[in-house]
Amino acid sequence: MPEISRFFGIIIRMFFDDHDPPHLHAEYSGMKAVFDFRGNVVRGELGSQTATKLVREWIDLHILELEEDWKLARNGRELHKIEPLT
């Protein structure tokens, strides 16, 4: 699963052959969660409210890039890296 961003110890990934609706996988301190592109936690948890808020903020800032990467992933193409939070 390609890593598309990393910030503050949070790793963001997207699968190439994943199912709809569009979503991403986040990992923080060994905990994993799946977020939709509206920032909702679909499955799992990150074990930190701060990490969850940071992922939601990052999604809000990069929704267009996420949608583009989702299209690329669905077509089996290489994903673009997305700028981390700073």
C-alpha atoms as a PDB file:
ATOM      1  CA  MET A   1       0.000   0.000   0.000  1.00  0.00           C
ATOM      2  CA  PRO A   2       1.689   3.211  -1.144  1.00  0.00           C
ATOM      3  CA  GLU A   3       2.488   5.884   1.400  1.00  0.00           C
ATOM      4  CA  ILE A   4       1.228   9.249   0.175  1.00  0.00           C
ATOM      5  CA  SER A   5       2.147  11.415   3.165  1.00  0.00           C
ATOM      6  CA  ARG A   6       3.757  11.380   6.613  1.00  0.00           C
ATOM      7  CA  PHE A   7       3.572  14.021   9.329  1.00  0.00           C
ATOM      8  CA  PHE A   8       3.892  14.167  13.124  1.00  0.00           C
ATOM      9  CA  GLY A   9       4.336  10.398  13.282  1.00  0.00           C
ATOM     10  CA  ILE A  10       1.189   9.762  11.216  1.00  0.00           C
ATOM     11  CA  ILE A  11       1.487   7.692   8.049  1.00  0.00           C
ATOM     12  CA  ILE A  12      -1.139   8.098   5.318  1.00  0.00           C
ATOM     13  CA  ARG A  13      -1.579   5.337   2.733  1.00  0.00           C
ATOM     14  CA  MET A  14      -3.933   4.430  -0.087  1.00  0.00           C
ATOM     15  CA  PHE A  15      -4.493   0.992  -1.614  1.00  0.00           C
ATOM     16  CA  PHE A  16      -4.425   0.476  -5.379  1.00  0.00           C
ATOM     17  CA  ASP A  17      -7.215  -2.097  -5.451  1.00  0.00           C
ATOM     18  CA  ASP A  18      -9.433  -0.801  -2.662  1.00  0.00           C
ATOM     19  CA  HIS A  19     -13.223  -0.585  -2.661  1.00  0.00           C
ATOM     20  CA  ASP A  20     -15.530   2.425  -2.837  1.00  0.00           C
ATOM     21  CA  PRO A  21     -16.292   4.817  -1.256  1.00  0.00           C
ATOM     22  CA  PRO A  22     -13.006   6.734  -1.536  1.00  0.00           C
ATOM     23  CA  HIS A  23     -10.955   6.563   1.640  1.00  0.00           C
ATOM     24  CA  LEU A  24      -7.451   6.503   3.087  1.00  0.00           C
ATOM     25  CA  HIS A  25      -5.642   4.518   5.737  1.00  0.00           C
ATOM     26  CA  ALA A  26      -3.892   6.309   8.597  1.00  0.00           C
ATOM     27  CA  GLU A  27      -1.492   4.812  11.124  1.00  0.00           C
ATOM     28  CA  TYR A  28      -0.206   6.352  14.328  1.00  0.00           C
ATOM     29  CA  SER A  29       1.792   4.580  17.067  1.00  0.00           C
ATOM     30  CA  GLY A  30       0.731   1.166  15.799  1.00  0.00           C
ATOM     31  CA  MET A  31      -2.971   2.093  15.717  1.00  0.00           C
ATOM     32  CA  LYS A  32      -4.817   2.159  12.398  1.00  0.00           C
ATOM     33  CA  ALA A  33      -7.936   3.893  11.138  1.00  0.00           C
ATOM     34  CA  VAL A  34      -9.722   4.322   7.833  1.00  0.00           C
ATOM     35  CA  PHE A  35     -11.030   7.806   6.997  1.00  0.00           C
ATOM     36  CA  ASP A  36     -13.388   8.838   4.229  1.00  0.00           C
ATOM     37  CA  PHE A  37     -12.610  12.042   2.361  1.00  0.00           C
ATOM     38  CA  ARG A  38     -14.965  14.028   4.637  1.00  0.00           C
ATOM     39  CA  GLY A  39     -12.781  13.146   7.626  1.00  0.00           C
ATOM     40  CA  ASN A  40     -15.112  10.564   9.144  1.00  0.00           C
ATOM     41  CA  VAL A  41     -13.514   7.540  10.793  1.00  0.00           C
ATOM     42  CA  VAL A  42     -14.984   4.568   8.936  1.00  0.00           C
ATOM     43  CA  ARG A  43     -13.118   1.860  10.826  1.00  0.00           C
ATOM     44  CA  GLY A  44     -10.528   1.572  13.574  1.00  0.00           C
ATOM     45  CA  GLU A  45      -8.985   4.320  15.664  1.00  0.00           C
ATOM     46  CA  LEU A  46      -5.681   6.123  16.027  1.00  0.00           C
ATOM     47  CA  GLY A  47      -5.707   6.057  19.832  1.00  0.00           C
ATOM     48  CA  SER A  48      -5.192   9.814  19.973  1.00  0.00           C
ATOM     49  CA  GLN A  49      -7.749  12.576  19.546  1.00  0.00           C
ATOM     50  CA  THR A  50      -4.943  14.899  18.482  1.00  0.00           C
ATOM     51  CA  ALA A  51      -3.768  12.533  15.724  1.00  0.00           C
ATOM     52  CA  THR A  52      -7.358  12.122  14.527  1.00  0.00           C
ATOM     53  CA  LYS A  53      -7.821  15.916  14.405  1.00  0.00           C
ATOM     54  CA  LEU A  54      -4.549  16.296  12.481  1.00  0.00           C
ATOM     55  CA  VAL A  55      -5.644  13.735   9.874  1.00  0.00           C
ATOM     56  CA  ARG A  56      -8.999  15.518   9.501  1.00  0.00           C
ATOM     57  CA  GLU A  57      -7.240  18.873   9.066  1.00  0.00           C
ATOM     58  CA  TRP A  58      -4.898  17.362   6.480  1.00  0.00           C
ATOM     59  CA  ILE A  59      -7.839  15.837   4.558  1.00  0.00           C
ATOM     60  CA  ASP A  60      -9.602  19.226   4.476  1.00  0.00           C
ATOM     61  CA  LEU A  61      -6.471  20.874   3.063  1.00  0.00           C
ATOM     62  CA  HIS A  62      -5.840  18.212   0.418  1.00  0.00           C
ATOM     63  CA  ILE A  63      -9.232  16.930  -0.699  1.00  0.00           C
ATOM     64  CA  LEU A  64      -8.564  17.606  -4.389  1.00  0.00           C
ATOM     65  CA  GLU A  65      -5.221  15.793  -4.327  1.00  0.00           C
ATOM     66  CA  LEU A  66      -6.819  12.871  -2.481  1.00  0.00           C
ATOM     67  CA  GLU A  67      -9.559  12.596  -5.084  1.00  0.00           C
ATOM     68  CA  GLU A  68      -6.940  12.625  -7.845  1.00  0.00           C
ATOM     69  CA  ASP A  69      -4.866   9.941  -6.111  1.00  0.00           C
ATOM     70  CA  TRP A  70      -8.009   7.833  -5.659  1.00  0.00           C
ATOM     71  CA  LYS A  71      -8.642   7.987  -9.417  1.00  0.00           C
ATOM     72  CA  LEU A  72      -5.016   7.068 -10.108  1.00  0.00           C
ATOM     73  CA  ALA A  73      -5.175   4.160  -7.647  1.00  0.00           C
ATOM     74  CA  ARG A  74      -8.380   2.834  -9.199  1.00  0.00           C
ATOM     75  CA  ASN A  75      -6.600   2.794 -12.561  1.00  0.00           C
ATOM     76  CA  GLY A  76      -3.501   1.082 -11.149  1.00  0.00           C
ATOM     77  CA  ARG A  77      -1.327   4.138 -11.712  1.00  0.00           C
ATOM     78  CA  GLU A  78       1.385   5.588  -9.513  1.00  0.00           C
ATOM     79  CA  LEU A  79       0.088   7.867  -6.767  1.00  0.00           C
ATOM     80  CA  HIS A  80       1.354  11.361  -6.099  1.00  0.00           C
ATOM     81  CA  LYS A  81       2.880  12.279  -2.752  1.00  0.00           C
ATOM     82  CA  ILE A  82       0.833  14.885  -0.883  1.00  0.00           C
ATOM     83  CA  GLU A  83       2.408  17.620   1.241  1.00  0.00           C
ATOM     84  CA  PRO A  84       2.394  16.890   4.958  1.00  0.00           C
ATOM     85  CA  LEU A  85       1.122  19.197   7.683  1.00  0.00           C
ATOM     86  CA  THR A  86       3.884  21.388   9.005  1.00  0.00           C
END
